[in-house]
Amino acid sequence: MNPEPTKPRSREEIERTAAQWVLRRDRGLTATEQDELSQWLAADLRHGEALALQRWGWDELDRLAGLQTSLGAVPNPDLFAPRAKARARRGWWLAATSSLAAAAAVVLLITLRSPPATSENAPPPAAVSTALAAPCERLTLEDGSVVELNRGASVEVVYSATERRVRLVRGEANFTVAKNPERPFVVNAGGVDVRAVGTVFNVRLAREAVEVVVSEGRVKLERPPVDTVAREATVLSVGESAVVLLGASALGPQVTALAVPELAARLAWQPRLLDFTGAPLTDIVAEFNRRNPVQLAVDDATLGALRLSAAFRSDNVEGFVRLMESDFGMRAEWRSEREIVLRRVR
């Protein structure tokens, strides 16, 4: 029998429902169950406290029996995914951990809740529109190819019977191309064609240049003809980057071989699920900062040492900040359009 997401009337009912959720999380939750759990946790502060206590007891039994500690299921990633055109209903759950200064150093899971930040801490409208209101998007094209759009990027898709063509209008995008040798896949950015059959590559269109990074397979890079110079072609392999200066007639593409760390850093903007287990807040903030234009800062070392266990979409800075404000006694203050400081509510 599924636990009801409504508010129980007694402490005993809360604890019984929490125990049922712990058992179900141990065997794995479906997407529907994850949504139900989020709603149940959001209905009453006591629910999170009871779930944390029941899970701690369950983990302690595992530890004493010499079994591997159960970490439970990861929340439904869709719950944390920002929407481009409309804000989805959000369900949140998270557990914060703090170590007790005792001989046993027992770690307890706790949940905190505080009033949301006041409007005076909200960012100016320009900051919202440029930094957070334009999240990364994922497009699946008719042939199965996938396009990941960085914030503010835009593409136009024109498919024909003989060619699959995409024009990068602005910004940056990553392309995972479905293989079809008889129907080439071409991305045009600033007049530069990037041609592939089946591969993964990243294209960034700036005012003065186009940059291409190949993370799988090979692509052929063709710059537009200039004056009497014939159209140039350059082949890029996995791990290579090329920069084509727009409007420069004498210079060809500048090709660079990227080391693995450089390649990872260059593509770090691409959304992924960040999964943390007992990680300090400073580590979580550092991971978000590595992947987003909006940078987070922690007000003091004590707050930075707070340990959290959760899963977030890497591009959902807005959702992460809102959760810190609503559930963890923090206040977010905008220092500039691209910097947010997390402070503990006094």
C-alpha atoms as a PDB file:
ATOM      1  CA  MET A   1       0.000   0.000   0.000  1.00  0.00           C
ATOM      2  CA  ASN A   2       1.364   3.385  -0.984  1.00  0.00           C
ATOM      3  CA  PRO A   3       1.790   5.966   1.805  1.00  0.00           C
ATOM      4  CA  GLU A   4      -0.573   8.904   1.403  1.00  0.00           C
ATOM      5  CA  PRO A   5       1.110  12.238   0.615  1.00  0.00           C
ATOM      6  CA  THR A   6      -1.369  14.050   2.848  1.00  0.00           C
ATOM      7  CA  LYS A   7      -0.467  15.246   6.342  1.00  0.00           C
ATOM      8  CA  PRO A   8      -0.883  12.516   9.007  1.00  0.00           C
ATOM      9  CA  ARG A   9      -2.707  13.492  12.192  1.00  0.00           C
ATOM     10  CA  SER A  10      -0.321  11.991  14.746  1.00  0.00           C
ATOM     11  CA  ARG A  11       3.387  11.519  15.333  1.00  0.00           C
ATOM     12  CA  GLU A  12       2.905   7.756  15.192  1.00  0.00           C
ATOM     13  CA  GLU A  13       1.365   7.996  11.740  1.00  0.00           C
ATOM     14  CA  ILE A  14       4.207  10.221  10.551  1.00  0.00           C
ATOM     15  CA  GLU A  15       6.831   7.753  11.791  1.00  0.00           C
ATOM     16  CA  ARG A  16       4.985   4.796  10.300  1.00  0.00           C
ATOM     17  CA  THR A  17       4.719   6.509   6.920  1.00  0.00           C
ATOM     18  CA  ALA A  18       8.395   7.536   7.092  1.00  0.00           C
ATOM     19  CA  ALA A  19       9.394   3.934   7.784  1.00  0.00           C
ATOM     20  CA  GLN A  20       7.421   2.804   4.729  1.00  0.00           C
ATOM     21  CA  TRP A  21       9.208   5.378   2.575  1.00  0.00           C
ATOM     22  CA  VAL A  22      12.608   4.214   3.830  1.00  0.00           C
ATOM     23  CA  LEU A  23      11.802   0.621   2.864  1.00  0.00           C
ATOM     24  CA  ARG A  24      10.551   1.654  -0.563  1.00  0.00           C
ATOM     25  CA  ARG A  25      13.594   3.859  -1.218  1.00  0.00           C
ATOM     26  CA  ASP A  26      15.840   0.940  -0.313  1.00  0.00           C
ATOM     27  CA  ARG A  27      14.351  -1.229  -3.060  1.00  0.00           C
ATOM     28  CA  GLY A  28      14.175   1.715  -5.525  1.00  0.00           C
ATOM     29  CA  LEU A  29      11.508   4.320  -6.303  1.00  0.00           C
ATOM     30  CA  THR A  30       9.620   4.793  -9.530  1.00  0.00           C
ATOM     31  CA  ALA A  31       9.298   8.288 -11.001  1.00  0.00           C
ATOM     32  CA  THR A  32       5.720   8.496  -9.661  1.00  0.00           C
ATOM     33  CA  GLU A  33       6.835   7.444  -6.192  1.00  0.00           C
ATOM     34  CA  GLN A  34       9.616  10.025  -6.237  1.00  0.00           C
ATOM     35  CA  ASP A  35       7.022  12.710  -6.977  1.00  0.00           C
ATOM     36  CA  GLU A  36       4.806  11.421  -4.148  1.00  0.00           C
ATOM     37  CA  LEU A  37       7.725  11.460  -1.720  1.00  0.00           C
ATOM     38  CA  SER A  38       8.587  15.032  -2.665  1.00  0.00           C
ATOM     39  CA  GLN A  39       4.992  16.128  -2.070  1.00  0.00           C
ATOM     40  CA  TRP A  40       4.857  14.315   1.269  1.00  0.00           C
ATOM     41  CA  LEU A  41       8.099  15.938   2.461  1.00  0.00           C
ATOM     42  CA  ALA A  42       6.893  19.383   1.407  1.00  0.00           C
ATOM     43  CA  ALA A  43       3.582  19.018   3.283  1.00  0.00           C
ATOM     44  CA  ASP A  44       5.003  19.161   6.814  1.00  0.00           C
ATOM     45  CA  LEU A  45       8.421  19.885   8.360  1.00  0.00           C
ATOM     46  CA  ARG A  46       7.974  16.878  10.656  1.00  0.00           C
ATOM     47  CA  HIS A  47       7.933  14.546   7.658  1.00  0.00           C
ATOM     48  CA  GLY A  48      11.552  15.281   6.746  1.00  0.00           C
ATOM     49  CA  GLU A  49      12.668  14.924  10.359  1.00  0.00           C
ATOM     50  CA  ALA A  50      10.921  11.560  10.690  1.00  0.00           C
ATOM     51  CA  LEU A  51      12.311  10.300   7.380  1.00  0.00           C
ATOM     52  CA  ALA A  52      15.845  11.326   8.390  1.00  0.00           C
ATOM     53  CA  LEU A  53      15.531   9.538  11.730  1.00  0.00           C
ATOM     54  CA  GLN A  54      14.085   6.383  10.187  1.00  0.00           C
ATOM     55  CA  ARG A  55      16.769   6.315   7.494  1.00  0.00           C
ATOM     56  CA  TRP A  56      19.507   6.828  10.072  1.00  0.00           C
ATOM     57  CA  GLY A  57      18.164   3.874  12.062  1.00  0.00           C
ATOM     58  CA  TRP A  58      18.012   1.750   8.913  1.00  0.00           C
ATOM     59  CA  ASP A  59      21.585   2.643   7.981  1.00  0.00           C
ATOM     60  CA  GLU A  60      22.798   1.919  11.506  1.00  0.00           C
ATOM     61  CA  LEU A  61      21.239  -1.559  11.352  1.00  0.00           C
ATOM     62  CA  ASP A  62      23.027  -2.162   8.058  1.00  0.00           C
ATOM     63  CA  ARG A  63      26.303  -0.958   9.542  1.00  0.00           C
ATOM     64  CA  LEU A  64      26.004  -3.145  12.613  1.00  0.00           C
ATOM     65  CA  ALA A  65      25.155  -6.150  10.488  1.00  0.00           C
ATOM     66  CA  GLY A  66      28.213  -5.537   8.345  1.00  0.00           C
ATOM     67  CA  LEU A  67      26.159  -4.699   5.307  1.00  0.00           C
ATOM     68  CA  GLN A  68      26.805  -1.943   2.794  1.00  0.00           C
ATOM     69  CA  THR A  69      24.913   1.232   3.691  1.00  0.00           C
ATOM     70  CA  SER A  70      21.904   1.841   1.501  1.00  0.00           C
ATOM     71  CA  LEU A  71      22.000   5.215  -0.216  1.00  0.00           C
ATOM     72  CA  GLY A  72      18.466   5.018  -1.614  1.00  0.00           C
ATOM     73  CA  ALA A  73      17.244   6.110  -4.996  1.00  0.00           C
ATOM     74  CA  VAL A  74      18.230   9.319  -6.771  1.00  0.00           C
ATOM     75  CA  PRO A  75      15.309  11.751  -7.107  1.00  0.00           C
ATOM     76  CA  ASN A  76      13.584  12.029 -10.446  1.00  0.00           C
ATOM     77  CA  PRO A  77      15.898  14.365 -12.474  1.00  0.00           C
ATOM     78  CA  ASP A  78      12.826  15.944 -14.089  1.00  0.00           C
ATOM     79  CA  LEU A  79      11.911  17.423 -10.714  1.00  0.00           C
ATOM     80  CA  PHE A  80      15.079  19.521 -10.833  1.00  0.00           C
ATOM     81  CA  ALA A  81      15.043  20.371 -14.547  1.00  0.00           C
ATOM     82  CA  PRO A  82      14.397  24.061 -15.292  1.00  0.00           C
ATOM     83  CA  ARG A  83      11.911  24.703 -18.100  1.00  0.00           C
ATOM     84  CA  ALA A  84      12.661  27.173 -20.923  1.00  0.00           C
ATOM     85  CA  LYS A  85       9.157  28.483 -21.579  1.00  0.00           C
ATOM     86  CA  ALA A  86       7.264  27.844 -18.373  1.00  0.00           C
ATOM     87  CA  ARG A  87       8.157  27.129 -14.777  1.00  0.00           C
ATOM     88  CA  ALA A  88       7.296  23.566 -13.854  1.00  0.00           C
ATOM     89  CA  ARG A  89       5.849  22.628 -10.497  1.00  0.00           C
ATOM     90  CA  ARG A  90       8.810  21.783  -8.300  1.00  0.00           C
ATOM     91  CA  GLY A  91       8.953  19.091  -5.666  1.00  0.00           C
ATOM     92  CA  TRP A  92      12.000  19.130  -3.476  1.00  0.00           C
ATOM     93  CA  TRP A  93      13.655  16.788  -1.063  1.00  0.00           C
ATOM     94  CA  LEU A  94      17.081  16.995   0.427  1.00  0.00           C
ATOM     95  CA  ALA A  95      18.885  15.795   3.541  1.00  0.00           C
ATOM     96  CA  ALA A  96      21.528  17.859   5.307  1.00  0.00           C
ATOM     97  CA  THR A  97      24.096  16.144   7.493  1.00  0.00           C
ATOM     98  CA  SER A  98      25.999  17.529  10.452  1.00  0.00           C
ATOM     99  CA  SER A  99      28.586  15.690  12.530  1.00  0.00           C
ATOM    100  CA  LEU A 100      28.178  15.622  16.315  1.00  0.00           C
ATOM    101  CA  ALA A 101      31.297  16.225  18.411  1.00  0.00           C
ATOM    102  CA  ALA A 102      31.134  12.975  20.343  1.00  0.00           C
ATOM    103  CA  ALA A 103      33.241   9.859  20.625  1.00  0.00           C
ATOM    104  CA  ALA A 104      31.027   7.984  18.204  1.00  0.00           C
ATOM    105  CA  ALA A 105      30.874  10.974  15.781  1.00  0.00           C
ATOM    106  CA  VAL A 106      27.426   9.868  14.670  1.00  0.00           C
ATOM    107  CA  VAL A 107      26.133  11.644  11.552  1.00  0.00           C
ATOM    108  CA  LEU A 108      22.470  12.623  11.705  1.00  0.00           C
ATOM    109  CA  LEU A 109      20.348  13.603   8.733  1.00  0.00           C
ATOM    110  CA  ILE A 110      18.439  16.799   9.408  1.00  0.00           C
ATOM    111  CA  THR A 111      16.142  19.090   7.472  1.00  0.00           C
ATOM    112  CA  LEU A 112      15.776  22.792   8.130  1.00  0.00           C
ATOM    113  CA  ARG A 113      13.167  25.205   6.912  1.00  0.00           C
ATOM    114  CA  SER A 114      13.112  28.986   6.964  1.00  0.00           C
ATOM    115  CA  PRO A 115      11.003  31.692   5.283  1.00  0.00           C
ATOM    116  CA  PRO A 116      11.962  32.382   1.657  1.00  0.00           C
ATOM    117  CA  ALA A 117      14.187  35.337   0.930  1.00  0.00           C
ATOM    118  CA  THR A 118      12.533  38.714   0.866  1.00  0.00           C
ATOM    119  CA  SER A 119      12.090  40.594  -2.366  1.00  0.00           C
ATOM    120  CA  GLU A 120      14.920  42.956  -1.462  1.00  0.00           C
ATOM    121  CA  ASN A 121      17.364  40.080  -2.000  1.00  0.00           C
ATOM    122  CA  ALA A 122      15.997  39.241  -5.434  1.00  0.00           C
ATOM    123  CA  PRO A 123      18.238  39.939  -8.419  1.00  0.00           C
ATOM    124  CA  PRO A 124      17.418  42.786 -10.773  1.00  0.00           C
ATOM    125  CA  PRO A 125      15.260  41.789 -13.770  1.00  0.00           C
ATOM    126  CA  ALA A 126      18.232  42.030 -16.138  1.00  0.00           C
ATOM    127  CA  ALA A 127      20.166  39.470 -14.122  1.00  0.00           C
ATOM    128  CA  VAL A 128      17.299  37.019 -14.199  1.00  0.00           C
ATOM    129  CA  SER A 129      16.800  37.339 -17.941  1.00  0.00           C
ATOM    130  CA  THR A 130      20.451  36.990 -18.884  1.00  0.00           C
ATOM    131  CA  ALA A 131      21.723  34.478 -16.337  1.00  0.00           C
ATOM    132  CA  LEU A 132      19.016  32.232 -14.943  1.00  0.00           C
ATOM    133  CA  ALA A 133      15.869  32.676 -17.009  1.00  0.00           C
ATOM    134  CA  ALA A 134      17.577  31.208 -20.088  1.00  0.00           C
ATOM    135  CA  PRO A 135      18.604  27.707 -18.983  1.00  0.00           C
ATOM    136  CA  CYS A 136      20.157  25.058 -21.165  1.00  0.00           C
ATOM    137  CA  GLU A 137      17.739  23.256 -23.448  1.00  0.00           C
ATOM    138  CA  ARG A 138      17.720  19.823 -25.067  1.00  0.00           C
ATOM    139  CA  LEU A 139      16.245  19.262 -28.526  1.00  0.00           C
ATOM    140  CA  THR A 140      15.692  15.878 -30.151  1.00  0.00           C
ATOM    141  CA  LEU A 141      15.481  16.242 -33.934  1.00  0.00           C
ATOM    142  CA  GLU A 142      13.314  14.135 -36.229  1.00  0.00           C
ATOM    143  CA  ASP A 143      16.187  11.786 -37.154  1.00  0.00           C
ATOM    144  CA  GLY A 144      17.103  11.136 -33.512  1.00  0.00           C
ATOM    145  CA  SER A 145      20.028  13.569 -33.402  1.00  0.00           C
ATOM    146  CA  VAL A 146      20.237  15.547 -30.145  1.00  0.00           C
ATOM    147  CA  VAL A 147      21.109  19.221 -29.729  1.00  0.00           C
ATOM    148  CA  GLU A 148      22.072  20.651 -26.332  1.00  0.00           C
ATOM    149  CA  LEU A 149      21.676  24.449 -26.347  1.00  0.00           C
ATOM    150  CA  ASN A 150      23.702  26.582 -23.973  1.00  0.00           C
ATOM    151  CA  ARG A 151      21.879  29.473 -22.293  1.00  0.00           C
ATOM    152  CA  GLY A 152      20.509  31.919 -24.841  1.00  0.00           C
ATOM    153  CA  ALA A 153      21.505  29.820 -27.865  1.00  0.00           C
ATOM    154  CA  SER A 154      19.219  29.441 -30.867  1.00  0.00           C
ATOM    155  CA  VAL A 155      19.178  27.154 -33.912  1.00  0.00           C
ATOM    156  CA  GLU A 156      17.177  26.778 -37.111  1.00  0.00           C
ATOM    157  CA  VAL A 157      16.635  23.262 -38.520  1.00  0.00           C
ATOM    158  CA  VAL A 158      16.198  22.662 -42.247  1.00  0.00           C
ATOM    159  CA  TYR A 159      16.042  18.989 -43.239  1.00  0.00           C
ATOM    160  CA  SER A 160      15.748  17.739 -46.810  1.00  0.00           C
ATOM    161  CA  ALA A 161      15.740  14.302 -48.405  1.00  0.00           C
ATOM    162  CA  THR A 162      19.487  14.487 -49.067  1.00  0.00           C
ATOM    163  CA  GLU A 163      20.876  16.622 -46.246  1.00  0.00           C
ATOM    164  CA  ARG A 164      20.282  17.470 -42.595  1.00  0.00           C
ATOM    165  CA  ARG A 165      21.208  21.116 -42.057  1.00  0.00           C
ATOM    166  CA  VAL A 166      21.124  23.136 -38.822  1.00  0.00           C
ATOM    167  CA  ARG A 167      21.999  26.823 -38.581  1.00  0.00           C
ATOM    168  CA  LEU A 168      23.403  28.064 -35.274  1.00  0.00           C
ATOM    169  CA  VAL A 169      21.845  31.524 -35.095  1.00  0.00           C
ATOM    170  CA  ARG A 170      23.593  32.559 -31.880  1.00  0.00           C
ATOM    171  CA  GLY A 171      25.365  31.134 -28.862  1.00  0.00           C
ATOM    172  CA  GLU A 172      26.724  27.652 -28.313  1.00  0.00           C
ATOM    173  CA  ALA A 173      25.381  24.150 -28.917  1.00  0.00           C
ATOM    174  CA  ASN A 174      26.533  20.559 -28.673  1.00  0.00           C
ATOM    175  CA  PHE A 175      25.446  18.085 -31.357  1.00  0.00           C
ATOM    176  CA  THR A 176      25.107  14.311 -31.004  1.00  0.00           C
ATOM    177  CA  VAL A 177      24.479  13.154 -34.564  1.00  0.00           C
ATOM    178  CA  ALA A 178      22.502  10.064 -35.551  1.00  0.00           C
ATOM    179  CA  LYS A 179      24.492   8.121 -38.151  1.00  0.00           C
ATOM    180  CA  ASN A 180      23.254   8.252 -41.737  1.00  0.00           C
ATOM    181  CA  PRO A 181      26.069   8.303 -44.348  1.00  0.00           C
ATOM    182  CA  GLU A 182      23.601   8.913 -47.169  1.00  0.00           C
ATOM    183  CA  ARG A 183      22.211  12.028 -45.515  1.00  0.00           C
ATOM    184  CA  PRO A 184      25.029  14.255 -44.185  1.00  0.00           C
ATOM    185  CA  PHE A 185      24.559  16.387 -41.090  1.00  0.00           C
ATOM    186  CA  VAL A 186      25.809  19.967 -41.475  1.00  0.00           C
ATOM    187  CA  VAL A 187      25.898  22.756 -38.888  1.00  0.00           C
ATOM    188  CA  ASN A 188      26.374  26.266 -40.254  1.00  0.00           C
ATOM    189  CA  ALA A 189      27.632  29.012 -37.946  1.00  0.00           C
ATOM    190  CA  GLY A 190      28.635  32.409 -39.303  1.00  0.00           C
ATOM    191  CA  GLY A 191      29.066  30.938 -42.785  1.00  0.00           C
ATOM    192  CA  VAL A 192      31.317  28.119 -41.513  1.00  0.00           C
ATOM    193  CA  ASP A 193      30.050  24.589 -42.250  1.00  0.00           C
ATOM    194  CA  VAL A 194      30.746  21.734 -39.827  1.00  0.00           C
ATOM    195  CA  ARG A 195      29.973  18.467 -41.619  1.00  0.00           C
ATOM    196  CA  ALA A 196      29.574  15.096 -39.873  1.00  0.00           C
ATOM    197  CA  VAL A 197      28.054  11.672 -40.462  1.00  0.00           C
ATOM    198  CA  GLY A 198      27.861  10.293 -36.926  1.00  0.00           C
ATOM    199  CA  THR A 199      29.764  12.071 -34.206  1.00  0.00           C
ATOM    200  CA  VAL A 200      29.588  14.438 -31.211  1.00  0.00           C
ATOM    201  CA  PHE A 201      30.860  17.990 -31.477  1.00  0.00           C
ATOM    202  CA  ASN A 202      30.410  21.430 -29.952  1.00  0.00           C
ATOM    203  CA  VAL A 203      30.037  24.717 -31.888  1.00  0.00           C
ATOM    204  CA  ARG A 204      30.269  28.210 -30.389  1.00  0.00           C
ATOM    205  CA  LEU A 205      29.451  31.280 -32.461  1.00  0.00           C
ATOM    206  CA  ALA A 206      31.006  34.527 -31.245  1.00  0.00           C
ATOM    207  CA  ARG A 207      31.068  37.942 -32.884  1.00  0.00           C
ATOM    208  CA  GLU A 208      34.494  37.485 -34.466  1.00  0.00           C
ATOM    209  CA  ALA A 209      35.038  33.718 -34.557  1.00  0.00           C
ATOM    210  CA  VAL A 210      33.546  30.240 -34.636  1.00  0.00           C
ATOM    211  CA  GLU A 211      34.987  27.552 -32.380  1.00  0.00           C
ATOM    212  CA  VAL A 212      34.455  23.820 -32.935  1.00  0.00           C
ATOM    213  CA  VAL A 213      35.376  21.097 -30.416  1.00  0.00           C
ATOM    214  CA  VAL A 214      35.118  17.395 -31.300  1.00  0.00           C
ATOM    215  CA  SER A 215      34.483  14.953 -28.447  1.00  0.00           C
ATOM    216  CA  GLU A 216      33.660  11.878 -30.561  1.00  0.00           C
ATOM    217  CA  GLY A 217      34.334  10.872 -34.174  1.00  0.00           C
ATOM    218  CA  ARG A 218      35.496  13.315 -36.878  1.00  0.00           C
ATOM    219  CA  VAL A 219      34.106  16.364 -38.632  1.00  0.00           C
ATOM    220  CA  LYS A 220      35.016  18.318 -41.751  1.00  0.00           C
ATOM    221  CA  LEU A 221      35.283  22.046 -41.238  1.00  0.00           C
ATOM    222  CA  GLU A 222      34.656  24.260 -44.278  1.00  0.00           C
ATOM    223  CA  ARG A 223      35.030  28.017 -44.108  1.00  0.00           C
ATOM    224  CA  PRO A 224      33.295  30.267 -46.650  1.00  0.00           C
ATOM    225  CA  PRO A 225      35.277  31.371 -49.733  1.00  0.00           C
ATOM    226  CA  VAL A 226      36.840  34.832 -49.484  1.00  0.00           C
ATOM    227  CA  ASP A 227      37.465  36.842 -52.661  1.00  0.00           C
ATOM    228  CA  THR A 228      39.210  34.461 -55.071  1.00  0.00           C
ATOM    229  CA  VAL A 229      40.336  31.988 -52.406  1.00  0.00           C
ATOM    230  CA  ALA A 230      38.641  28.610 -52.766  1.00  0.00           C
ATOM    231  CA  ARG A 231      36.541  27.149 -49.980  1.00  0.00           C
ATOM    232  CA  GLU A 232      38.888  25.597 -47.410  1.00  0.00           C
ATOM    233  CA  ALA A 233      38.331  22.250 -45.677  1.00  0.00           C
ATOM    234  CA  THR A 234      39.915  21.013 -42.442  1.00  0.00           C
ATOM    235  CA  VAL A 235      39.302  17.625 -40.810  1.00  0.00           C
ATOM    236  CA  LEU A 236      39.082  17.554 -37.015  1.00  0.00           C
ATOM    237  CA  SER A 237      39.386  14.389 -34.925  1.00  0.00           C
ATOM    238  CA  VAL A 238      38.320  13.600 -31.385  1.00  0.00           C
ATOM    239  CA  GLY A 239      39.944  15.861 -28.807  1.00  0.00           C
ATOM    240  CA  GLU A 240      40.726  18.623 -31.298  1.00  0.00           C
ATOM    241  CA  SER A 241      39.521  22.217 -31.327  1.00  0.00           C
ATOM    242  CA  ALA A 242      39.496  24.694 -34.203  1.00  0.00           C
ATOM    243  CA  VAL A 243      38.912  28.438 -34.202  1.00  0.00           C
ATOM    244  CA  VAL A 244      37.902  30.140 -37.443  1.00  0.00           C
ATOM    245  CA  LEU A 245      38.220  33.927 -37.503  1.00  0.00           C
ATOM    246  CA  LEU A 246      35.288  35.446 -39.359  1.00  0.00           C
ATOM    247  CA  GLY A 247      36.177  37.892 -42.117  1.00  0.00           C
ATOM    248  CA  ALA A 248      39.902  37.060 -42.075  1.00  0.00           C
ATOM    249  CA  SER A 249      41.013  36.152 -45.606  1.00  0.00           C
ATOM    250  CA  ALA A 250      44.598  35.144 -44.906  1.00  0.00           C
ATOM    251  CA  LEU A 251      44.312  33.009 -41.790  1.00  0.00           C
ATOM    252  CA  GLY A 252      43.107  29.421 -41.817  1.00  0.00           C
ATOM    253  CA  PRO A 253      41.505  27.551 -38.885  1.00  0.00           C
ATOM    254  CA  GLN A 254      43.654  27.475 -35.749  1.00  0.00           C
ATOM    255  CA  VAL A 255      43.642  23.782 -34.733  1.00  0.00           C
ATOM    256  CA  THR A 256      44.605  22.715 -31.204  1.00  0.00           C
ATOM    257  CA  ALA A 257      44.810  19.281 -29.590  1.00  0.00           C
ATOM    258  CA  LEU A 258      43.095  19.403 -26.198  1.00  0.00           C
ATOM    259  CA  ALA A 259      44.220  17.372 -23.198  1.00  0.00           C
ATOM    260  CA  VAL A 260      41.483  15.450 -21.397  1.00  0.00           C
ATOM    261  CA  PRO A 261      41.139  18.032 -18.571  1.00  0.00           C
ATOM    262  CA  GLU A 262      40.997  20.857 -21.130  1.00  0.00           C
ATOM    263  CA  LEU A 263      38.320  19.061 -23.140  1.00  0.00           C
ATOM    264  CA  ALA A 264      36.259  18.431 -20.004  1.00  0.00           C
ATOM    265  CA  ALA A 265      36.545  22.060 -18.903  1.00  0.00           C
ATOM    266  CA  ARG A 266      35.571  23.335 -22.358  1.00  0.00           C
ATOM    267  CA  LEU A 267      32.396  21.209 -22.360  1.00  0.00           C
ATOM    268  CA  ALA A 268      31.542  21.653 -18.673  1.00  0.00           C
ATOM    269  CA  TRP A 269      28.519  23.835 -19.501  1.00  0.00           C
ATOM    270  CA  GLN A 270      26.577  20.815 -20.761  1.00  0.00           C
ATOM    271  CA  PRO A 271      23.865  19.815 -18.264  1.00  0.00           C
ATOM    272  CA  ARG A 272      24.301  16.675 -16.192  1.00  0.00           C
ATOM    273  CA  LEU A 273      22.971  15.325 -12.924  1.00  0.00           C
ATOM    274  CA  LEU A 274      25.223  16.247 -10.007  1.00  0.00           C
ATOM    275  CA  ASP A 275      24.904  13.615  -7.285  1.00  0.00           C
ATOM    276  CA  PHE A 276      26.299  14.466  -3.836  1.00  0.00           C
ATOM    277  CA  THR A 277      26.473  12.258  -0.760  1.00  0.00           C
ATOM    278  CA  GLY A 278      27.583  13.986   2.428  1.00  0.00           C
ATOM    279  CA  ALA A 279      29.468  16.647   0.461  1.00  0.00           C
ATOM    280  CA  PRO A 280      30.445  19.986   2.066  1.00  0.00           C
ATOM    281  CA  LEU A 281      28.534  22.967   0.748  1.00  0.00           C
ATOM    282  CA  THR A 282      31.810  24.499  -0.474  1.00  0.00           C
ATOM    283  CA  ASP A 283      32.408  21.467  -2.737  1.00  0.00           C
ATOM    284  CA  ILE A 284      28.877  21.649  -4.138  1.00  0.00           C
ATOM    285  CA  VAL A 285      29.233  25.371  -4.801  1.00  0.00           C
ATOM    286  CA  ALA A 286      32.575  24.794  -6.544  1.00  0.00           C
ATOM    287  CA  GLU A 287      30.972  22.215  -8.854  1.00  0.00           C
ATOM    288  CA  PHE A 288      28.152  24.607  -9.767  1.00  0.00           C
ATOM    289  CA  ASN A 289      30.654  27.425 -10.358  1.00  0.00           C
ATOM    290  CA  ARG A 290      32.671  25.251 -12.731  1.00  0.00           C
ATOM    291  CA  ARG A 291      29.603  24.705 -14.897  1.00  0.00           C
ATOM    292  CA  ASN A 292      27.668  27.982 -14.819  1.00  0.00           C
ATOM    293  CA  PRO A 293      28.128  31.680 -15.631  1.00  0.00           C
ATOM    294  CA  VAL A 294      26.457  32.626 -12.342  1.00  0.00           C
ATOM    295  CA  GLN A 295      28.997  32.165  -9.545  1.00  0.00           C
ATOM    296  CA  LEU A 296      28.080  31.244  -5.967  1.00  0.00           C
ATOM    297  CA  ALA A 297      29.954  32.228  -2.819  1.00  0.00           C
ATOM    298  CA  VAL A 298      29.545  31.069   0.797  1.00  0.00           C
ATOM    299  CA  ASP A 299      29.514  33.692   3.536  1.00  0.00           C
ATOM    300  CA  ASP A 300      31.512  31.848   6.217  1.00  0.00           C
ATOM    301  CA  ALA A 301      33.517  28.684   6.798  1.00  0.00           C
ATOM    302  CA  THR A 302      30.963  27.182   9.194  1.00  0.00           C
ATOM    303  CA  LEU A 303      28.232  27.402   6.592  1.00  0.00           C
ATOM    304  CA  GLY A 304      30.593  26.044   3.949  1.00  0.00           C
ATOM    305  CA  ALA A 305      31.224  22.960   6.103  1.00  0.00           C
ATOM    306  CA  LEU A 306      27.524  22.024   6.096  1.00  0.00           C
ATOM    307  CA  ARG A 307      27.237  18.576   4.509  1.00  0.00           C
ATOM    308  CA  LEU A 308      24.467  17.816   2.031  1.00  0.00           C
ATOM    309  CA  SER A 309      23.219  14.745   0.206  1.00  0.00           C
ATOM    310  CA  ALA A 310      21.224  15.461  -2.923  1.00  0.00           C
ATOM    311  CA  ALA A 311      21.003  15.360  -6.714  1.00  0.00           C
ATOM    312  CA  PHE A 312      20.676  18.483  -8.877  1.00  0.00           C
ATOM    313  CA  ARG A 313      20.801  19.366 -12.556  1.00  0.00           C
ATOM    314  CA  SER A 314      24.097  21.149 -13.066  1.00  0.00           C
ATOM    315  CA  ASP A 315      22.491  24.141 -14.836  1.00  0.00           C
ATOM    316  CA  ASN A 316      19.733  24.655 -12.266  1.00  0.00           C
ATOM    317  CA  VAL A 317      21.482  27.267 -10.115  1.00  0.00           C
ATOM    318  CA  GLU A 318      18.180  29.028  -9.542  1.00  0.00           C
ATOM    319  CA  GLY A 319      16.556  25.900  -8.118  1.00  0.00           C
ATOM    320  CA  PHE A 320      19.551  25.159  -5.898  1.00  0.00           C
ATOM    321  CA  VAL A 321      19.574  28.683  -4.459  1.00  0.00           C
ATOM    322  CA  ARG A 322      15.834  28.648  -3.827  1.00  0.00           C
ATOM    323  CA  LEU A 323      16.138  25.352  -1.988  1.00  0.00           C
ATOM    324  CA  MET A 324      18.958  26.648   0.207  1.00  0.00           C
ATOM    325  CA  GLU A 325      16.734  29.592   1.130  1.00  0.00           C
ATOM    326  CA  SER A 326      13.528  27.660   1.767  1.00  0.00           C
ATOM    327  CA  ASP A 327      14.898  24.566   3.507  1.00  0.00           C
ATOM    328  CA  PHE A 328      18.319  25.320   4.957  1.00  0.00           C
ATOM    329  CA  GLY A 329      18.186  28.613   6.813  1.00  0.00           C
ATOM    330  CA  MET A 330      20.127  30.594   4.218  1.00  0.00           C
ATOM    331  CA  ARG A 331      19.629  33.907   2.468  1.00  0.00           C
ATOM    332  CA  ALA A 332      20.834  34.577  -1.069  1.00  0.00           C
ATOM    333  CA  GLU A 333      22.153  38.047  -1.851  1.00  0.00           C
ATOM    334  CA  TRP A 334      23.116  39.180  -5.342  1.00  0.00           C
ATOM    335  CA  ARG A 335      26.501  40.891  -5.342  1.00  0.00           C
ATOM    336  CA  SER A 336      26.276  41.478  -9.107  1.00  0.00           C
ATOM    337  CA  GLU A 337      24.409  40.077 -12.101  1.00  0.00           C
ATOM    338  CA  ARG A 338      26.655  37.024 -12.040  1.00  0.00           C
ATOM    339  CA  GLU A 339      27.478  36.474  -8.374  1.00  0.00           C
ATOM    340  CA  ILE A 340      25.283  35.238  -5.517  1.00  0.00           C
ATOM    341  CA  VAL A 341      26.389  35.085  -1.875  1.00  0.00           C
ATOM    342  CA  LEU A 342      24.807  32.488   0.414  1.00  0.00           C
ATOM    343  CA  ARG A 343      24.527  33.682   4.015  1.00  0.00           C
ATOM    344  CA  ARG A 344      23.109  32.063   7.117  1.00  0.00           C
ATOM    345  CA  VAL A 345      19.919  33.699   8.386  1.00  0.00           C
ATOM    346  CA  ARG A 346      20.803  35.338  11.721  1.00  0.00           C
END
